[in-house]
PDB file of N, CA and C in Angstrom:
ATOM      1  N   MET A   1       0.836  -1.181   0.000  1.00  0.00           N
ATOM      2  CA  MET A   1       0.000   0.000   0.000  1.00  0.00           C
ATOM      3  C   MET A   1       0.881   1.244   0.000  1.00  0.00           C
ATOM      4  N   ASN A   2       0.587   2.160  -0.892  1.00  0.00           N
ATOM      5  CA  ASN A   2       1.342   3.403  -0.926  1.00  0.00           C
ATOM      6  C   ASN A   2       0.978   4.273   0.267  1.00  0.00           C
ATOM      7  N   LYS A   3       1.973   5.006   0.741  1.00  0.00           N
ATOM      8  CA  LYS A   3       1.799   5.828   1.934  1.00  0.00           C
ATOM      9  C   LYS A   3       1.725   7.297   1.549  1.00  0.00           C
ATOM     10  N   ILE A   4       1.176   8.084   2.469  1.00  0.00           N
ATOM     11  CA  ILE A   4       1.133   9.534   2.325  1.00  0.00           C
ATOM     12  C   ILE A   4       1.994  10.120   3.432  1.00  0.00           C
ATOM     13  N   ILE A   5       2.996  10.902   3.028  1.00  0.00           N
ATOM     14  CA  ILE A   5       3.938  11.488   3.974  1.00  0.00           C
ATOM     15  C   ILE A   5       3.690  12.993   4.024  1.00  0.00           C
ATOM     16  N   ALA A   6       3.235  13.482   5.174  1.00  0.00           N
ATOM     17  CA  ALA A   6       3.063  14.917   5.387  1.00  0.00           C
ATOM     18  C   ALA A   6       4.381  15.439   5.944  1.00  0.00           C
ATOM     19  N   LEU A   7       5.058  16.261   5.181  1.00  0.00           N
ATOM     20  CA  LEU A   7       6.422  16.668   5.493  1.00  0.00           C
ATOM     21  C   LEU A   7       6.481  18.167   5.770  1.00  0.00           C
ATOM     22  N   ASP A   8       6.859  18.508   6.987  1.00  0.00           N
ATOM     23  CA  ASP A   8       7.049  19.906   7.368  1.00  0.00           C
ATOM     24  C   ASP A   8       8.272  20.457   6.648  1.00  0.00           C
ATOM     25  N   PHE A   9       8.385  21.766   6.600  1.00  0.00           N
ATOM     26  CA  PHE A   9       9.513  22.389   5.895  1.00  0.00           C
ATOM     27  C   PHE A   9      10.575  22.902   6.870  1.00  0.00           C
ATOM     28  N   ASP A  10      10.278  23.979   7.572  1.00  0.00           N
ATOM     29  CA  ASP A  10      11.274  24.618   8.440  1.00  0.00           C
ATOM     30  C   ASP A  10      11.606  23.739   9.639  1.00  0.00           C
ATOM     31  N   GLY A  11      12.879  23.397   9.768  1.00  0.00           N
ATOM     32  CA  GLY A  11      13.332  22.568  10.879  1.00  0.00           C
ATOM     33  C   GLY A  11      13.228  21.085  10.608  1.00  0.00           C
ATOM     34  N   THR A  12      12.620  20.710   9.492  1.00  0.00           N
ATOM     35  CA  THR A  12      12.427  19.304   9.167  1.00  0.00           C
ATOM     36  C   THR A  12      13.092  18.937   7.850  1.00  0.00           C
ATOM     37  N   THR A  13      12.737  19.633   6.784  1.00  0.00           N
ATOM     38  CA  THR A  13      13.319  19.381   5.466  1.00  0.00           C
ATOM     39  C   THR A  13      14.488  20.329   5.207  1.00  0.00           C
ATOM     40  N   PHE A  14      14.376  21.529   5.735  1.00  0.00           N
ATOM     41  CA  PHE A  14      15.442  22.531   5.692  1.00  0.00           C
ATOM     42  C   PHE A  14      15.619  23.068   7.106  1.00  0.00           C
ATOM     43  N   LYS A  15      16.837  23.425   7.465  1.00  0.00           N
ATOM     44  CA  LYS A  15      17.087  23.961   8.803  1.00  0.00           C
ATOM     45  C   LYS A  15      16.239  25.204   9.014  1.00  0.00           C
ATOM     46  N   ASN A  16      15.789  25.387  10.233  1.00  0.00           N
ATOM     47  CA  ASN A  16      14.896  26.493  10.555  1.00  0.00           C
ATOM     48  C   ASN A  16      15.644  27.822  10.478  1.00  0.00           C
ATOM     49  N   ASN A  17      15.200  28.675   9.554  1.00  0.00           N
ATOM     50  CA  ASN A  17      15.783  29.997   9.392  1.00  0.00           C
ATOM     51  C   ASN A  17      14.709  30.960   8.889  1.00  0.00           C
ATOM     52  N   PHE A  18      13.454  30.679   9.253  1.00  0.00           N
ATOM     53  CA  PHE A  18      12.328  31.472   8.773  1.00  0.00           C
ATOM     54  C   PHE A  18      12.530  32.946   9.112  1.00  0.00           C
ATOM     55  N   PRO A  19      12.252  33.862   8.186  1.00  0.00           N
ATOM     56  CA  PRO A  19      11.563  33.682   6.912  1.00  0.00           C
ATOM     57  C   PRO A  19      12.487  33.285   5.759  1.00  0.00           C
ATOM     58  N   MET A  20      13.772  33.202   6.021  1.00  0.00           N
ATOM     59  CA  MET A  20      14.700  32.783   4.982  1.00  0.00           C
ATOM     60  C   MET A  20      14.625  31.260   4.832  1.00  0.00           C
ATOM     61  N   ILE A  21      15.311  30.736   3.832  1.00  0.00           N
ATOM     62  CA  ILE A  21      15.399  29.295   3.625  1.00  0.00           C
ATOM     63  C   ILE A  21      16.702  28.824   4.261  1.00  0.00           C
ATOM     64  N   GLY A  22      16.611  27.883   5.169  1.00  0.00           N
ATOM     65  CA  GLY A  22      17.796  27.335   5.815  1.00  0.00           C
ATOM     66  C   GLY A  22      18.496  26.317   4.927  1.00  0.00           C
ATOM     67  N   ALA A  23      19.560  25.755   5.455  1.00  0.00           N
ATOM     68  CA  ALA A  23      20.317  24.726   4.732  1.00  0.00           C
ATOM     69  C   ALA A  23      19.467  23.460   4.588  1.00  0.00           C
ATOM     70  N   PRO A  24      19.636  22.744   3.488  1.00  0.00           N
ATOM     71  CA  PRO A  24      18.868  21.505   3.305  1.00  0.00           C
ATOM     72  C   PRO A  24      19.266  20.452   4.328  1.00  0.00           C
ATOM     73  N   ILE A  25      18.300  19.668   4.746  1.00  0.00           N
ATOM     74  CA  ILE A  25      18.553  18.506   5.605  1.00  0.00           C
ATOM     75  C   ILE A  25      18.482  17.301   4.674  1.00  0.00           C
ATOM     76  N   TRP A  26      19.651  16.923   4.180  1.00  0.00           N
ATOM     77  CA  TRP A  26      19.735  15.942   3.087  1.00  0.00           C
ATOM     78  C   TRP A  26      19.168  14.582   3.432  1.00  0.00           C
ATOM     79  N   ASP A  27      19.320  14.125   4.668  1.00  0.00           N
ATOM     80  CA  ASP A  27      18.764  12.809   5.020  1.00  0.00           C
ATOM     81  C   ASP A  27      17.262  12.769   4.790  1.00  0.00           C
ATOM     82  N   VAL A  28      16.571  13.821   5.185  1.00  0.00           N
ATOM     83  CA  VAL A  28      15.113  13.876   5.027  1.00  0.00           C
ATOM     84  C   VAL A  28      14.744  14.021   3.549  1.00  0.00           C
ATOM     85  N   ILE A  29      15.419  14.914   2.846  1.00  0.00           N
ATOM     86  CA  ILE A  29      15.134  15.111   1.421  1.00  0.00           C
ATOM     87  C   ILE A  29      15.348  13.811   0.649  1.00  0.00           C
ATOM     88  N   ASN A  30      16.471  13.168   0.867  1.00  0.00           N
ATOM     89  CA  ASN A  30      16.766  11.925   0.142  1.00  0.00           C
ATOM     90  C   ASN A  30      15.781  10.820   0.480  1.00  0.00           C
ATOM     91  N   LYS A  31      15.391  10.710   1.746  1.00  0.00           N
ATOM     92  CA  LYS A  31      14.409   9.683   2.137  1.00  0.00           C
ATOM     93  C   LYS A  31      13.064   9.959   1.463  1.00  0.00           C
ATOM     94  N   ALA A  32      12.659  11.215   1.405  1.00  0.00           N
ATOM     95  CA  ALA A  32      11.389  11.561   0.758  1.00  0.00           C
ATOM     96  C   ALA A  32      11.426  11.201  -0.725  1.00  0.00           C
ATOM     97  N   ILE A  33      12.531  11.470  -1.384  1.00  0.00           N
ATOM     98  CA  ILE A  33      12.671  11.134  -2.805  1.00  0.00           C
ATOM     99  C   ILE A  33      12.618   9.621  -3.009  1.00  0.00           C
ATOM    100  N   ILE A  34      13.281   8.873  -2.154  1.00  0.00           N
ATOM    101  CA  ILE A  34      13.240   7.406  -2.232  1.00  0.00           C
ATOM    102  C   ILE A  34      11.807   6.912  -2.051  1.00  0.00           C
ATOM    103  N   CYS A  35      11.100   7.476  -1.081  1.00  0.00           N
ATOM    104  CA  CYS A  35       9.709   7.072  -0.852  1.00  0.00           C
ATOM    105  C   CYS A  35       8.856   7.344  -2.086  1.00  0.00           C
ATOM    106  N   GLN A  36       9.065   8.488  -2.725  1.00  0.00           N
ATOM    107  CA  GLN A  36       8.316   8.787  -3.944  1.00  0.00           C
ATOM    108  C   GLN A  36       8.609   7.766  -5.038  1.00  0.00           C
ATOM    109  N   LYS A  37       9.867   7.389  -5.174  1.00  0.00           N
ATOM    110  CA  LYS A  37      10.225   6.398  -6.196  1.00  0.00           C
ATOM    111  C   LYS A  37       9.568   5.055  -5.925  1.00  0.00           C
ATOM    112  N   CYS A  38       9.212   4.798  -4.675  1.00  0.00           N
ATOM    113  CA  CYS A  38       8.521   3.554  -4.306  1.00  0.00           C
ATOM    114  C   CYS A  38       7.005   3.695  -4.415  1.00  0.00           C
ATOM    115  N   GLY A  39       6.527   4.855  -4.851  1.00  0.00           N
ATOM    116  CA  GLY A  39       5.095   5.051  -5.053  1.00  0.00           C
ATOM    117  C   GLY A  39       4.384   5.832  -3.972  1.00  0.00           C
ATOM    118  N   ASP A  40       5.097   6.238  -2.929  1.00  0.00           N
ATOM    119  CA  ASP A  40       4.475   7.024  -1.876  1.00  0.00           C
ATOM    120  C   ASP A  40       4.279   8.465  -2.336  1.00  0.00           C
ATOM    121  N   LYS A  41       3.362   9.168  -1.701  1.00  0.00           N
ATOM    122  CA  LYS A  41       3.080  10.569  -2.011  1.00  0.00           C
ATOM    123  C   LYS A  41       3.630  11.444  -0.890  1.00  0.00           C
ATOM    124  N   VAL A  42       4.265  12.557  -1.267  1.00  0.00           N
ATOM    125  CA  VAL A  42       4.818  13.495  -0.293  1.00  0.00           C
ATOM    126  C   VAL A  42       4.038  14.802  -0.383  1.00  0.00           C
ATOM    127  N   VAL A  43       3.501  15.211   0.767  1.00  0.00           N
ATOM    128  CA  VAL A  43       2.711  16.425   0.877  1.00  0.00           C
ATOM    129  C   VAL A  43       3.515  17.458   1.650  1.00  0.00           C
ATOM    130  N   LEU A  44       3.670  18.651   1.103  1.00  0.00           N
ATOM    131  CA  LEU A  44       4.264  19.736   1.872  1.00  0.00           C
ATOM    132  C   LEU A  44       3.229  20.200   2.877  1.00  0.00           C
ATOM    133  N   TRP A  45       3.599  20.108   4.145  1.00  0.00           N
ATOM    134  CA  TRP A  45       2.700  20.417   5.257  1.00  0.00           C
ATOM    135  C   TRP A  45       3.416  21.452   6.118  1.00  0.00           C
ATOM    136  N   THR A  46       3.075  22.718   5.963  1.00  0.00           N
ATOM    137  CA  THR A  46       3.831  23.806   6.574  1.00  0.00           C
ATOM    138  C   THR A  46       2.910  24.958   6.952  1.00  0.00           C
ATOM    139  N   CYS A  47       3.401  25.814   7.813  1.00  0.00           N
ATOM    140  CA  CYS A  47       2.667  27.040   8.150  1.00  0.00           C
ATOM    141  C   CYS A  47       3.008  28.178   7.194  1.00  0.00           C
ATOM    142  N   ARG A  48       3.978  27.966   6.314  1.00  0.00           N
ATOM    143  CA  ARG A  48       4.348  29.012   5.360  1.00  0.00           C
ATOM    144  C   ARG A  48       3.171  29.311   4.429  1.00  0.00           C
ATOM    145  N   THR A  49       3.029  30.595   4.088  1.00  0.00           N
ATOM    146  CA  THR A  49       1.985  31.025   3.155  1.00  0.00           C
ATOM    147  C   THR A  49       2.573  32.014   2.164  1.00  0.00           C
ATOM    148  N   ASP A  50       1.809  32.294   1.150  1.00  0.00           N
ATOM    149  CA  ASP A  50       2.108  33.327   0.165  1.00  0.00           C
ATOM    150  C   ASP A  50       3.517  33.166  -0.408  1.00  0.00           C
ATOM    151  N   GLU A  51       4.294  34.234  -0.455  1.00  0.00           N
ATOM    152  CA  GLU A  51       5.615  34.154  -1.077  1.00  0.00           C
ATOM    153  C   GLU A  51       6.554  33.237  -0.300  1.00  0.00           C
ATOM    154  N   TYR A  52       6.350  33.097   1.009  1.00  0.00           N
ATOM    155  CA  TYR A  52       7.198  32.196   1.800  1.00  0.00           C
ATOM    156  C   TYR A  52       6.942  30.737   1.431  1.00  0.00           C
ATOM    157  N   LEU A  53       5.697  30.432   1.126  1.00  0.00           N
ATOM    158  CA  LEU A  53       5.359  29.092   0.650  1.00  0.00           C
ATOM    159  C   LEU A  53       5.981  28.849  -0.725  1.00  0.00           C
ATOM    160  N   ASP A  54       5.874  29.823  -1.599  1.00  0.00           N
ATOM    161  CA  ASP A  54       6.479  29.701  -2.932  1.00  0.00           C
ATOM    162  C   ASP A  54       7.984  29.481  -2.833  1.00  0.00           C
ATOM    163  N   GLN A  55       8.638  30.188  -1.924  1.00  0.00           N
ATOM    164  CA  GLN A  55      10.080  30.029  -1.736  1.00  0.00           C
ATOM    165  C   GLN A  55      10.421  28.621  -1.260  1.00  0.00           C
ATOM    166  N   ALA A  56       9.611  28.069  -0.367  1.00  0.00           N
ATOM    167  CA  ALA A  56       9.847  26.711   0.126  1.00  0.00           C
ATOM    168  C   ALA A  56       9.701  25.686  -0.990  1.00  0.00           C
ATOM    169  N   ILE A  57       8.669  25.830  -1.794  1.00  0.00           N
ATOM    170  CA  ILE A  57       8.441  24.908  -2.915  1.00  0.00           C
ATOM    171  C   ILE A  57       9.621  24.957  -3.877  1.00  0.00           C
ATOM    172  N   GLU A  58      10.073  26.156  -4.197  1.00  0.00           N
ATOM    173  CA  GLU A  58      11.189  26.319  -5.134  1.00  0.00           C
ATOM    174  C   GLU A  58      12.489  25.777  -4.539  1.00  0.00           C
ATOM    175  N   ALA A  59      12.741  26.028  -3.268  1.00  0.00           N
ATOM    176  CA  ALA A  59      13.965  25.528  -2.627  1.00  0.00           C
ATOM    177  C   ALA A  59      13.995  24.005  -2.662  1.00  0.00           C
ATOM    178  N   ALA A  60      12.876  23.378  -2.347  1.00  0.00           N
ATOM    179  CA  ALA A  60      12.814  21.915  -2.381  1.00  0.00           C
ATOM    180  C   ALA A  60      13.070  21.415  -3.800  1.00  0.00           C
ATOM    181  N   ARG A  61      12.437  22.033  -4.773  1.00  0.00           N
ATOM    182  CA  ARG A  61      12.608  21.638  -6.178  1.00  0.00           C
ATOM    183  C   ARG A  61      14.075  21.777  -6.594  1.00  0.00           C
ATOM    184  N   GLU A  62      14.727  22.849  -6.186  1.00  0.00           N
ATOM    185  CA  GLU A  62      16.143  23.056  -6.521  1.00  0.00           C
ATOM    186  C   GLU A  62      17.039  21.981  -5.909  1.00  0.00           C
ATOM    187  N   HIS A  63      16.553  21.342  -4.848  1.00  0.00           N
ATOM    188  CA  HIS A  63      17.321  20.283  -4.188  1.00  0.00           C
ATOM    189  C   HIS A  63      16.792  18.887  -4.523  1.00  0.00           C
ATOM    190  N   GLY A  64      15.970  18.800  -5.563  1.00  0.00           N
ATOM    191  CA  GLY A  64      15.553  17.511  -6.089  1.00  0.00           C
ATOM    192  C   GLY A  64      14.248  16.952  -5.555  1.00  0.00           C
ATOM    193  N   LEU A  65      13.559  17.685  -4.688  1.00  0.00           N
ATOM    194  CA  LEU A  65      12.298  17.202  -4.118  1.00  0.00           C
ATOM    195  C   LEU A  65      11.144  17.994  -4.708  1.00  0.00           C
ATOM    196  N   LYS A  66      10.296  17.287  -5.460  1.00  0.00           N
ATOM    197  CA  LYS A  66       9.094  17.908  -6.013  1.00  0.00           C
ATOM    198  C   LYS A  66       7.901  17.294  -5.291  1.00  0.00           C
ATOM    199  N   TYR A  67       7.216  18.114  -4.524  1.00  0.00           N
ATOM    200  CA  TYR A  67       6.082  17.623  -3.743  1.00  0.00           C
ATOM    201  C   TYR A  67       4.960  17.143  -4.656  1.00  0.00           C
ATOM    202  N   ASP A  68       4.291  16.093  -4.224  1.00  0.00           N
ATOM    203  CA  ASP A  68       3.130  15.602  -4.963  1.00  0.00           C
ATOM    204  C   ASP A  68       1.909  16.473  -4.698  1.00  0.00           C
ATOM    205  N   TYR A  69       1.832  17.003  -3.491  1.00  0.00           N
ATOM    206  CA  TYR A  69       0.725  17.860  -3.083  1.00  0.00           C
ATOM    207  C   TYR A  69       1.281  18.970  -2.207  1.00  0.00           C
ATOM    208  N   ILE A  70       0.627  20.115  -2.246  1.00  0.00           N
ATOM    209  CA  ILE A  70       1.037  21.254  -1.434  1.00  0.00           C
ATOM    210  C   ILE A  70      -0.146  21.644  -0.554  1.00  0.00           C
ATOM    211  N   MET A  71      -0.020  21.427   0.719  1.00  0.00           N
ATOM    212  CA  MET A  71      -1.037  21.842   1.676  1.00  0.00           C
ATOM    213  C   MET A  71      -2.435  21.354   1.303  1.00  0.00           C
ATOM    214  N   GLU A  72      -2.513  20.127   0.801  1.00  0.00           N
ATOM    215  CA  GLU A  72      -3.822  19.574   0.467  1.00  0.00           C
ATOM    216  C   GLU A  72      -3.830  18.082   0.761  1.00  0.00           C
ATOM    217  N   ASP A  73      -5.000  17.571   0.952  1.00  0.00           N
ATOM    218  CA  ASP A  73      -5.182  16.169   1.277  1.00  0.00           C
ATOM    219  C   ASP A  73      -5.303  15.365  -0.011  1.00  0.00           C
ATOM    220  N   PRO A  74      -4.366  14.447  -0.271  1.00  0.00           N
ATOM    221  CA  PRO A  74      -4.421  13.666  -1.512  1.00  0.00           C
ATOM    222  C   PRO A  74      -5.654  12.780  -1.633  1.00  0.00           C
ATOM    223  N   GLU A  75      -6.277  12.460  -0.513  1.00  0.00           N
ATOM    224  CA  GLU A  75      -7.434  11.561  -0.554  1.00  0.00           C
ATOM    225  C   GLU A  75      -8.758  12.301  -0.695  1.00  0.00           C
ATOM    226  N   TRP A  76      -8.758  13.596  -0.469  1.00  0.00           N
ATOM    227  CA  TRP A  76      -9.994  14.374  -0.519  1.00  0.00           C
ATOM    228  C   TRP A  76      -9.750  15.636  -1.328  1.00  0.00           C
ATOM    229  N   SER A  77      -9.874  15.554  -2.630  1.00  0.00           N
ATOM    230  CA  SER A  77      -9.544  16.687  -3.493  1.00  0.00           C
ATOM    231  C   SER A  77     -10.434  17.902  -3.244  1.00  0.00           C
ATOM    232  N   SER A  78     -11.613  17.692  -2.657  1.00  0.00           N
ATOM    233  CA  SER A  78     -12.502  18.825  -2.398  1.00  0.00           C
ATOM    234  C   SER A  78     -12.278  19.415  -1.002  1.00  0.00           C
ATOM    235  N   ASN A  79     -11.337  18.868  -0.248  1.00  0.00           N
ATOM    236  CA  ASN A  79     -11.080  19.347   1.109  1.00  0.00           C
ATOM    237  C   ASN A  79     -10.358  20.688   1.057  1.00  0.00           C
ATOM    238  N   THR A  80     -10.935  21.709   1.661  1.00  0.00           N
ATOM    239  CA  THR A  80     -10.282  23.015   1.707  1.00  0.00           C
ATOM    240  C   THR A  80      -9.683  23.280   3.090  1.00  0.00           C
ATOM    241  N   SER A  81      -9.746  22.325   3.970  1.00  0.00           N
ATOM    242  CA  SER A  81      -9.176  22.454   5.305  1.00  0.00           C
ATOM    243  C   SER A  81      -7.673  22.240   5.249  1.00  0.00           C
ATOM    244  N   ARG A  82      -6.949  22.862   6.163  1.00  0.00           N
ATOM    245  CA  ARG A  82      -5.510  22.621   6.255  1.00  0.00           C
ATOM    246  C   ARG A  82      -5.236  21.317   6.993  1.00  0.00           C
ATOM    247  N   LYS A  83      -6.264  20.692   7.550  1.00  0.00           N
ATOM    248  CA  LYS A  83      -6.101  19.411   8.228  1.00  0.00           C
ATOM    249  C   LYS A  83      -6.161  18.315   7.173  1.00  0.00           C
ATOM    250  N   ILE A  84      -5.101  17.516   7.109  1.00  0.00           N
ATOM    251  CA  ILE A  84      -5.030  16.495   6.077  1.00  0.00           C
ATOM    252  C   ILE A  84      -4.908  15.114   6.704  1.00  0.00           C
ATOM    253  N   ASN A  85      -5.113  14.124   5.877  1.00  0.00           N
ATOM    254  CA  ASN A  85      -4.944  12.735   6.269  1.00  0.00           C
ATOM    255  C   ASN A  85      -3.596  12.268   5.737  1.00  0.00           C
ATOM    256  N   ALA A  86      -2.809  11.593   6.566  1.00  0.00           N
ATOM    257  CA  ALA A  86      -1.512  11.088   6.120  1.00  0.00           C
ATOM    258  C   ALA A  86      -1.163   9.836   6.901  1.00  0.00           C
ATOM    259  N   THR A  87      -0.270   9.048   6.338  1.00  0.00           N
ATOM    260  CA  THR A  87       0.243   7.864   7.019  1.00  0.00           C
ATOM    261  C   THR A  87       1.188   8.286   8.130  1.00  0.00           C
ATOM    262  N   ILE A  88       1.981   9.329   7.864  1.00  0.00           N
ATOM    263  CA  ILE A  88       2.938   9.839   8.834  1.00  0.00           C
ATOM    264  C   ILE A  88       3.043  11.349   8.689  1.00  0.00           C
ATOM    265  N   PHE A  89       3.167  12.028   9.811  1.00  0.00           N
ATOM    266  CA  PHE A  89       3.422  13.461   9.856  1.00  0.00           C
ATOM    267  C   PHE A  89       4.839  13.634  10.369  1.00  0.00           C
ATOM    268  N   VAL A  90       5.705  14.216   9.547  1.00  0.00           N
ATOM    269  CA  VAL A  90       7.110  14.381   9.902  1.00  0.00           C
ATOM    270  C   VAL A  90       7.334  15.864  10.185  1.00  0.00           C
ATOM    271  N   ASP A  91       7.655  16.170  11.448  1.00  0.00           N
ATOM    272  CA  ASP A  91       7.746  17.567  11.880  1.00  0.00           C
ATOM    273  C   ASP A  91       8.732  17.659  13.033  1.00  0.00           C
ATOM    274  N   ASP A  92       9.596  18.657  13.000  1.00  0.00           N
ATOM    275  CA  ASP A  92      10.557  18.837  14.086  1.00  0.00           C
ATOM    276  C   ASP A  92       9.870  19.105  15.422  1.00  0.00           C
ATOM    277  N   LYS A  93       8.621  19.518  15.395  1.00  0.00           N
ATOM    278  CA  LYS A  93       7.873  19.779  16.635  1.00  0.00           C
ATOM    279  C   LYS A  93       7.200  18.512  17.178  1.00  0.00           C
ATOM    280  N   ALA A  94       7.263  17.429  16.432  1.00  0.00           N
ATOM    281  CA  ALA A  94       6.701  16.147  16.870  1.00  0.00           C
ATOM    282  C   ALA A  94       7.867  15.249  17.278  1.00  0.00           C
ATOM    283  N   PRO A  95       8.123  15.133  18.564  1.00  0.00           N
ATOM    284  CA  PRO A  95       9.297  14.385  19.029  1.00  0.00           C
ATOM    285  C   PRO A  95       9.376  12.980  18.425  1.00  0.00           C
ATOM    286  N   GLY A  96      10.536  12.682  17.861  1.00  0.00           N
ATOM    287  CA  GLY A  96      10.792  11.351  17.327  1.00  0.00           C
ATOM    288  C   GLY A  96      10.310  11.114  15.911  1.00  0.00           C
ATOM    289  N   SER A  97       9.526  12.038  15.346  1.00  0.00           N
ATOM    290  CA  SER A  97       8.961  11.761  14.019  1.00  0.00           C
ATOM    291  C   SER A  97      10.025  11.753  12.926  1.00  0.00           C
ATOM    292  N   ILE A  98      11.010  12.624  13.020  1.00  0.00           N
ATOM    293  CA  ILE A  98      12.059  12.645  11.994  1.00  0.00           C
ATOM    294  C   ILE A  98      12.887  11.369  12.078  1.00  0.00           C
ATOM    295  N   GLU A  99      13.263  10.982  13.280  1.00  0.00           N
ATOM    296  CA  GLU A  99      14.059   9.769  13.467  1.00  0.00           C
ATOM    297  C   GLU A  99      13.285   8.536  13.005  1.00  0.00           C
ATOM    298  N   TYR A 100      11.999   8.486  13.320  1.00  0.00           N
ATOM    299  CA  TYR A 100      11.176   7.363  12.879  1.00  0.00           C
ATOM    300  C   TYR A 100      11.113   7.316  11.356  1.00  0.00           C
ATOM    301  N   PHE A 101      10.879   8.465  10.728  1.00  0.00           N
ATOM    302  CA  PHE A 101      10.818   8.532   9.277  1.00  0.00           C
ATOM    303  C   PHE A 101      12.117   8.061   8.648  1.00  0.00           C
ATOM    304  N   LEU A 102      13.239   8.493   9.183  1.00  0.00           N
ATOM    305  CA  LEU A 102      14.534   8.146   8.603  1.00  0.00           C
ATOM    306  C   LEU A 102      14.950   6.696   8.854  1.00  0.00           C
ATOM    307  N   ASN A 103      14.601   6.167  10.009  1.00  0.00           N
ATOM    308  CA  ASN A 103      15.145   4.868  10.411  1.00  0.00           C
ATOM    309  C   ASN A 103      14.180   3.691  10.384  1.00  0.00           C
ATOM    310  N   GLU A 104      12.900   3.957  10.523  1.00  0.00           N
ATOM    311  CA  GLU A 104      11.956   2.847  10.660  1.00  0.00           C
ATOM    312  C   GLU A 104      10.815   2.860   9.669  1.00  0.00           C
ATOM    313  N   PHE A 105      10.566   3.953   9.022  1.00  0.00           N
ATOM    314  CA  PHE A 105       9.416   4.095   8.119  1.00  0.00           C
ATOM    315  C   PHE A 105       9.695   3.394   6.806  1.00  0.00           C
TER     316      PHE A 105
END
C-alpha cells in the first residue's frame, strides 16, 4: 500500500531559518525522494503562506524534491481544510517523528 507522507519544511526538510530558507537537511530530502520512487506521495505540510510558501516549494525543487501535493489532502480533493490525512506526519515539533521517518518508516 502506498503511503502519504506529510512533510514539514522549516526545521524538518530545511534547517529552521524562517523567513529565509535554511540549509537543506539531506537525510530527510533523500528519504522523501526514495519514498516517492517507491510510489508514496509526499505532501508539503507547513505554516508558510504566500511568497514564503512559494520560496519553500522552489527551494525543495532546486534540491531535487518535487512535492506531490502542497497543503492539500491527496485523498480528498474537495477538502479546503488545512487538516489532512496522512500515514505519517514528519515535523521537528513532533518528538521522534524525523528519526522514525529516517530509520523505521
